[in-house]
Amino acid sequence: MNTVLYGIPNCDTVKKARAWLSERGVEVAFHDYRKQGVPEAELSSWMKHVGWEKLLNRQGTTWRKLDPAVQAAVTDAASALALMRVQPSVIRRPVLVRGSDLRIGFDAADWARLFA
C-alpha cells in the first residue's frame, strides 16, 4: 500500500513522524510542500474529508506572522484554500495518506493502530 507523508522537512512534528515511521520500517514517500508544492487535488480532498478548520494551522509561526487582515479574511473553506495554496506552511503537519486513510498531525497511538 502506498504511503505518502506531506510536510516540511525542518518541522519538528514532521521529524518526529518520519522517525516514528522509520523505526517501524514503514516505507513512505515524502512530499515537501516547499519544494514540490501542494497537490491541488489532494488539498481539496483533505479539506473535504477533515474540514478546513482542522487543516489550517492557526498555532504555527507562519499563521502568527501573517498580517492580521489576512488572518481575518480566512472565514470559510474557499478563503482557507486560497491561503493554503500561496502559504503551504499554514497547513497542519504532517499529512499522512495511506491508501484511503488520511491523518492530519502526528498521533503515535493513532498511527500505531493504522499500521497494525
N, C-alpha and C. Protein backbone atom coordinates (compact mmCIF):
# COMPACT_ATOMS: atom_id res chain seq x y z
N MET A 1 0.85 -1.17 0.00
CA MET A 1 0.00 0.00 0.00
C MET A 1 0.90 1.24 0.00
N ASN A 2 0.59 2.19 -0.88
CA ASN A 2 1.38 3.41 -0.95
C ASN A 2 1.09 4.31 0.25
N THR A 3 2.15 4.83 0.83
CA THR A 3 2.03 5.76 1.94
C THR A 3 2.82 7.01 1.60
N VAL A 4 2.17 8.17 1.75
CA VAL A 4 2.83 9.44 1.46
C VAL A 4 2.71 10.33 2.68
N LEU A 5 3.83 10.93 3.06
CA LEU A 5 3.86 11.88 4.16
C LEU A 5 4.12 13.26 3.56
N TYR A 6 3.19 14.17 3.80
CA TYR A 6 3.31 15.53 3.29
C TYR A 6 3.73 16.45 4.43
N GLY A 7 4.65 17.34 4.13
CA GLY A 7 5.07 18.28 5.16
C GLY A 7 6.28 19.08 4.74
N ILE A 8 6.96 19.59 5.75
CA ILE A 8 8.16 20.39 5.57
C ILE A 8 9.25 19.72 6.40
N PRO A 9 10.41 19.42 5.80
CA PRO A 9 11.40 18.61 6.49
C PRO A 9 11.94 19.20 7.80
N ASN A 10 11.96 20.51 7.95
CA ASN A 10 12.52 21.09 9.18
C ASN A 10 11.49 21.26 10.29
N CYS A 11 10.26 20.87 10.06
CA CYS A 11 9.20 20.93 11.08
C CYS A 11 9.45 19.83 12.12
N ASP A 12 9.45 20.21 13.40
CA ASP A 12 9.71 19.24 14.47
C ASP A 12 8.73 18.09 14.48
N THR A 13 7.46 18.36 14.24
CA THR A 13 6.46 17.30 14.24
C THR A 13 6.66 16.36 13.06
N VAL A 14 7.03 16.91 11.92
CA VAL A 14 7.32 16.07 10.75
C VAL A 14 8.54 15.20 11.03
N LYS A 15 9.54 15.76 11.68
CA LYS A 15 10.74 14.98 12.04
C LYS A 15 10.36 13.82 12.95
N LYS A 16 9.51 14.07 13.94
CA LYS A 16 9.06 13.01 14.85
C LYS A 16 8.31 11.93 14.08
N ALA A 17 7.43 12.36 13.19
CA ALA A 17 6.64 11.41 12.41
C ALA A 17 7.54 10.55 11.50
N ARG A 18 8.50 11.19 10.87
CA ARG A 18 9.41 10.45 9.98
C ARG A 18 10.25 9.46 10.77
N ALA A 19 10.71 9.86 11.95
CA ALA A 19 11.49 8.96 12.80
C ALA A 19 10.63 7.78 13.24
N TRP A 20 9.38 8.06 13.63
CA TRP A 20 8.46 7.01 14.06
C TRP A 20 8.26 5.99 12.94
N LEU A 21 8.01 6.48 11.75
CA LEU A 21 7.80 5.59 10.61
C LEU A 21 9.06 4.78 10.30
N SER A 22 10.20 5.43 10.34
CA SER A 22 11.47 4.77 10.06
C SER A 22 11.76 3.67 11.08
N GLU A 23 11.53 3.96 12.36
CA GLU A 23 11.76 2.98 13.43
C GLU A 23 10.92 1.73 13.24
N ARG A 24 9.79 1.85 12.59
CA ARG A 24 8.89 0.71 12.37
C ARG A 24 9.05 0.11 10.98
N GLY A 25 10.00 0.61 10.23
CA GLY A 25 10.26 0.06 8.91
C GLY A 25 9.18 0.34 7.88
N VAL A 26 8.41 1.40 8.10
CA VAL A 26 7.35 1.75 7.16
C VAL A 26 7.94 2.52 5.99
N GLU A 27 7.73 2.00 4.81
CA GLU A 27 8.19 2.69 3.61
C GLU A 27 7.21 3.81 3.30
N VAL A 28 7.76 5.01 3.15
CA VAL A 28 6.91 6.17 2.93
C VAL A 28 7.60 7.11 1.96
N ALA A 29 6.82 7.66 1.05
CA ALA A 29 7.33 8.70 0.16
C ALA A 29 7.10 10.03 0.87
N PHE A 30 8.10 10.90 0.85
CA PHE A 30 7.96 12.20 1.49
C PHE A 30 7.74 13.26 0.43
N HIS A 31 6.73 14.08 0.64
CA HIS A 31 6.40 15.17 -0.28
C HIS A 31 6.61 16.49 0.46
N ASP A 32 7.60 17.25 0.03
CA ASP A 32 7.96 18.52 0.65
C ASP A 32 7.11 19.63 0.04
N TYR A 33 6.26 20.25 0.88
CA TYR A 33 5.38 21.34 0.43
C TYR A 33 6.17 22.46 -0.23
N ARG A 34 7.28 22.81 0.36
CA ARG A 34 8.03 23.97 -0.13
C ARG A 34 8.68 23.71 -1.47
N LYS A 35 9.25 22.54 -1.64
CA LYS A 35 9.96 22.24 -2.90
C LYS A 35 9.03 21.73 -3.99
N GLN A 36 8.03 20.94 -3.61
CA GLN A 36 7.17 20.30 -4.59
C GLN A 36 5.79 20.93 -4.69
N GLY A 37 5.50 21.85 -3.81
CA GLY A 37 4.18 22.45 -3.80
C GLY A 37 3.15 21.52 -3.18
N VAL A 38 1.95 22.01 -3.09
CA VAL A 38 0.86 21.21 -2.54
C VAL A 38 -0.03 20.77 -3.69
N PRO A 39 -0.18 19.47 -3.89
CA PRO A 39 -1.04 19.00 -4.98
C PRO A 39 -2.47 19.48 -4.80
N GLU A 40 -2.97 20.19 -5.79
CA GLU A 40 -4.30 20.81 -5.72
C GLU A 40 -5.41 19.80 -5.43
N ALA A 41 -5.39 18.69 -6.13
CA ALA A 41 -6.45 17.68 -5.94
C ALA A 41 -6.42 17.11 -4.52
N GLU A 42 -5.22 16.85 -4.01
CA GLU A 42 -5.10 16.31 -2.66
C GLU A 42 -5.57 17.32 -1.63
N LEU A 43 -5.16 18.57 -1.79
CA LEU A 43 -5.55 19.61 -0.85
C LEU A 43 -7.07 19.72 -0.76
N SER A 44 -7.72 19.74 -1.90
CA SER A 44 -9.18 19.81 -1.92
C SER A 44 -9.80 18.58 -1.27
N SER A 45 -9.23 17.42 -1.53
CA SER A 45 -9.73 16.17 -0.94
C SER A 45 -9.56 16.18 0.58
N TRP A 46 -8.41 16.63 1.05
CA TRP A 46 -8.18 16.69 2.50
C TRP A 46 -9.20 17.60 3.16
N MET A 47 -9.44 18.75 2.53
CA MET A 47 -10.39 19.70 3.10
C MET A 47 -11.79 19.09 3.16
N LYS A 48 -12.14 18.35 2.13
CA LYS A 48 -13.46 17.71 2.09
C LYS A 48 -13.59 16.67 3.20
N HIS A 49 -12.51 15.94 3.48
CA HIS A 49 -12.56 14.87 4.47
C HIS A 49 -12.46 15.34 5.91
N VAL A 50 -11.65 16.37 6.18
CA VAL A 50 -11.44 16.77 7.58
C VAL A 50 -11.93 18.18 7.89
N GLY A 51 -12.26 18.95 6.86
CA GLY A 51 -12.69 20.32 7.08
C GLY A 51 -11.52 21.29 7.09
N TRP A 52 -11.77 22.48 6.63
CA TRP A 52 -10.69 23.46 6.53
C TRP A 52 -10.19 23.89 7.90
N GLU A 53 -11.06 23.88 8.91
CA GLU A 53 -10.66 24.30 10.25
C GLU A 53 -9.58 23.40 10.83
N LYS A 54 -9.69 22.11 10.59
CA LYS A 54 -8.69 21.16 11.11
C LYS A 54 -7.40 21.24 10.30
N LEU A 55 -7.51 21.50 9.02
CA LEU A 55 -6.34 21.51 8.15
C LEU A 55 -5.52 22.79 8.29
N LEU A 56 -6.16 23.87 8.66
CA LEU A 56 -5.47 25.16 8.80
C LEU A 56 -4.80 25.24 10.17
N ASN A 57 -3.49 25.45 10.17
CA ASN A 57 -2.73 25.51 11.41
C ASN A 57 -2.65 26.96 11.90
N ARG A 58 -3.52 27.30 12.84
CA ARG A 58 -3.54 28.66 13.37
C ARG A 58 -2.60 28.84 14.56
N GLN A 59 -1.90 27.78 14.96
CA GLN A 59 -0.94 27.90 16.06
C GLN A 59 0.49 28.07 15.57
N GLY A 60 0.73 27.86 14.29
CA GLY A 60 2.08 27.88 13.76
C GLY A 60 2.65 29.27 13.54
N THR A 61 3.95 29.28 13.34
CA THR A 61 4.69 30.52 13.12
C THR A 61 4.21 31.24 11.87
N THR A 62 3.96 30.51 10.81
CA THR A 62 3.53 31.14 9.56
C THR A 62 2.23 31.91 9.77
N TRP A 63 1.27 31.30 10.45
CA TRP A 63 -0.01 31.97 10.72
C TRP A 63 0.21 33.22 11.56
N ARG A 64 1.01 33.10 12.61
CA ARG A 64 1.24 34.23 13.51
C ARG A 64 1.94 35.39 12.81
N LYS A 65 2.72 35.09 11.78
CA LYS A 65 3.44 36.15 11.06
C LYS A 65 2.58 36.83 9.99
N LEU A 66 1.43 36.25 9.69
CA LEU A 66 0.56 36.85 8.69
C LEU A 66 -0.02 38.17 9.19
N ASP A 67 -0.26 39.05 8.27
CA ASP A 67 -0.92 40.31 8.59
C ASP A 67 -2.29 40.00 9.20
N PRO A 68 -2.69 40.71 10.24
CA PRO A 68 -3.99 40.46 10.86
C PRO A 68 -5.15 40.54 9.87
N ALA A 69 -5.05 41.37 8.86
CA ALA A 69 -6.12 41.46 7.86
C ALA A 69 -6.20 40.17 7.05
N VAL A 70 -5.06 39.57 6.76
CA VAL A 70 -5.04 38.30 6.02
C VAL A 70 -5.67 37.21 6.90
N GLN A 71 -5.29 37.19 8.17
CA GLN A 71 -5.88 36.21 9.09
C GLN A 71 -7.40 36.38 9.18
N ALA A 72 -7.83 37.60 9.32
CA ALA A 72 -9.26 37.89 9.46
C ALA A 72 -10.05 37.52 8.21
N ALA A 73 -9.38 37.52 7.06
CA ALA A 73 -10.06 37.21 5.80
C ALA A 73 -10.34 35.72 5.63
N VAL A 74 -9.72 34.87 6.45
CA VAL A 74 -9.94 33.43 6.36
C VAL A 74 -11.17 33.09 7.19
N THR A 75 -12.30 32.97 6.49
CA THR A 75 -13.58 32.77 7.17
C THR A 75 -14.36 31.55 6.69
N ASP A 76 -13.86 30.91 5.63
CA ASP A 76 -14.57 29.76 5.08
C ASP A 76 -13.60 28.89 4.30
N ALA A 77 -14.10 27.81 3.74
CA ALA A 77 -13.26 26.86 3.01
C ALA A 77 -12.55 27.49 1.83
N ALA A 78 -13.25 28.34 1.09
CA ALA A 78 -12.65 28.95 -0.10
C ALA A 78 -11.49 29.86 0.28
N SER A 79 -11.67 30.69 1.30
CA SER A 79 -10.59 31.59 1.69
C SER A 79 -9.43 30.83 2.33
N ALA A 80 -9.72 29.77 3.06
CA ALA A 80 -8.66 28.94 3.64
C ALA A 80 -7.88 28.24 2.53
N LEU A 81 -8.58 27.72 1.54
CA LEU A 81 -7.93 27.05 0.41
C LEU A 81 -7.02 28.02 -0.34
N ALA A 82 -7.49 29.22 -0.58
CA ALA A 82 -6.68 30.22 -1.28
C ALA A 82 -5.40 30.51 -0.49
N LEU A 83 -5.51 30.64 0.81
CA LEU A 83 -4.32 30.90 1.63
C LEU A 83 -3.36 29.71 1.61
N MET A 84 -3.89 28.51 1.73
CA MET A 84 -3.05 27.31 1.74
C MET A 84 -2.30 27.14 0.42
N ARG A 85 -2.90 27.57 -0.66
CA ARG A 85 -2.24 27.49 -1.97
C ARG A 85 -0.99 28.37 -2.01
N VAL A 86 -1.09 29.57 -1.47
CA VAL A 86 0.04 30.50 -1.55
C VAL A 86 0.96 30.41 -0.33
N GLN A 87 0.46 29.89 0.77
CA GLN A 87 1.25 29.74 2.00
C GLN A 87 1.10 28.30 2.52
N PRO A 88 1.73 27.33 1.85
CA PRO A 88 1.54 25.94 2.27
C PRO A 88 1.98 25.65 3.70
N SER A 89 2.80 26.52 4.26
CA SER A 89 3.24 26.31 5.64
C SER A 89 2.11 26.48 6.66
N VAL A 90 0.96 27.00 6.24
CA VAL A 90 -0.17 27.11 7.17
C VAL A 90 -0.99 25.82 7.23
N ILE A 91 -0.61 24.84 6.45
CA ILE A 91 -1.29 23.54 6.51
C ILE A 91 -0.73 22.77 7.70
N ARG A 92 -1.62 22.26 8.53
CA ARG A 92 -1.20 21.47 9.70
C ARG A 92 -0.36 20.30 9.20
N ARG A 93 0.70 20.02 9.94
CA ARG A 93 1.64 19.00 9.53
C ARG A 93 1.82 17.95 10.63
N PRO A 94 2.21 16.76 10.17
CA PRO A 94 2.23 16.28 8.81
C PRO A 94 0.86 15.82 8.35
N VAL A 95 0.75 15.60 7.06
CA VAL A 95 -0.44 14.97 6.49
C VAL A 95 0.02 13.60 6.00
N LEU A 96 -0.62 12.56 6.49
CA LEU A 96 -0.27 11.20 6.12
C LEU A 96 -1.41 10.60 5.31
N VAL A 97 -1.07 10.09 4.13
CA VAL A 97 -2.06 9.43 3.29
C VAL A 97 -1.58 8.00 3.07
N ARG A 98 -2.41 7.06 3.47
CA ARG A 98 -2.11 5.64 3.29
C ARG A 98 -3.34 4.98 2.69
N GLY A 99 -3.28 4.75 1.39
CA GLY A 99 -4.46 4.23 0.71
C GLY A 99 -5.59 5.24 0.83
N SER A 100 -6.70 4.83 1.42
CA SER A 100 -7.84 5.74 1.60
C SER A 100 -7.84 6.40 2.98
N ASP A 101 -6.84 6.07 3.80
CA ASP A 101 -6.75 6.65 5.14
C ASP A 101 -6.01 7.97 5.11
N LEU A 102 -6.49 8.92 5.89
CA LEU A 102 -5.91 10.26 5.97
C LEU A 102 -5.74 10.63 7.44
N ARG A 103 -4.55 11.10 7.77
CA ARG A 103 -4.28 11.58 9.13
C ARG A 103 -3.67 12.97 9.03
N ILE A 104 -4.17 13.88 9.86
CA ILE A 104 -3.65 15.24 9.93
C ILE A 104 -2.99 15.38 11.29
N GLY A 105 -1.71 15.74 11.29
CA GLY A 105 -0.96 15.81 12.54
C GLY A 105 -0.43 14.44 12.91
N PHE A 106 0.48 14.43 13.88
CA PHE A 106 1.09 13.18 14.31
C PHE A 106 0.56 12.76 15.67
N ASP A 107 -0.02 11.57 15.72
CA ASP A 107 -0.52 10.97 16.95
C ASP A 107 -0.02 9.52 16.95
N ALA A 108 1.01 9.24 17.75
CA ALA A 108 1.67 7.93 17.72
C ALA A 108 0.69 6.78 17.97
N ALA A 109 -0.22 6.95 18.91
CA ALA A 109 -1.17 5.87 19.22
C ALA A 109 -2.11 5.61 18.04
N ASP A 110 -2.58 6.67 17.43
CA ASP A 110 -3.46 6.53 16.27
C ASP A 110 -2.72 5.90 15.10
N TRP A 111 -1.50 6.35 14.87
CA TRP A 111 -0.71 5.79 13.78
C TRP A 111 -0.38 4.32 14.03
N ALA A 112 -0.16 3.95 15.27
CA ALA A 112 0.13 2.54 15.60
C ALA A 112 -1.05 1.67 15.21
N ARG A 113 -2.26 2.16 15.47
CA ARG A 113 -3.46 1.41 15.06
C ARG A 113 -3.54 1.32 13.54
N LEU A 114 -3.23 2.41 12.86
CA LEU A 114 -3.30 2.43 11.40
C LEU A 114 -2.32 1.44 10.78
N PHE A 115 -1.13 1.31 11.35
CA PHE A 115 -0.11 0.45 10.77
C PHE A 115 -0.04 -0.92 11.42
N ALA A 116 -1.02 -1.25 12.26
CA ALA A 116 -1.03 -2.56 12.94
C ALA A 116 -1.35 -3.66 11.96
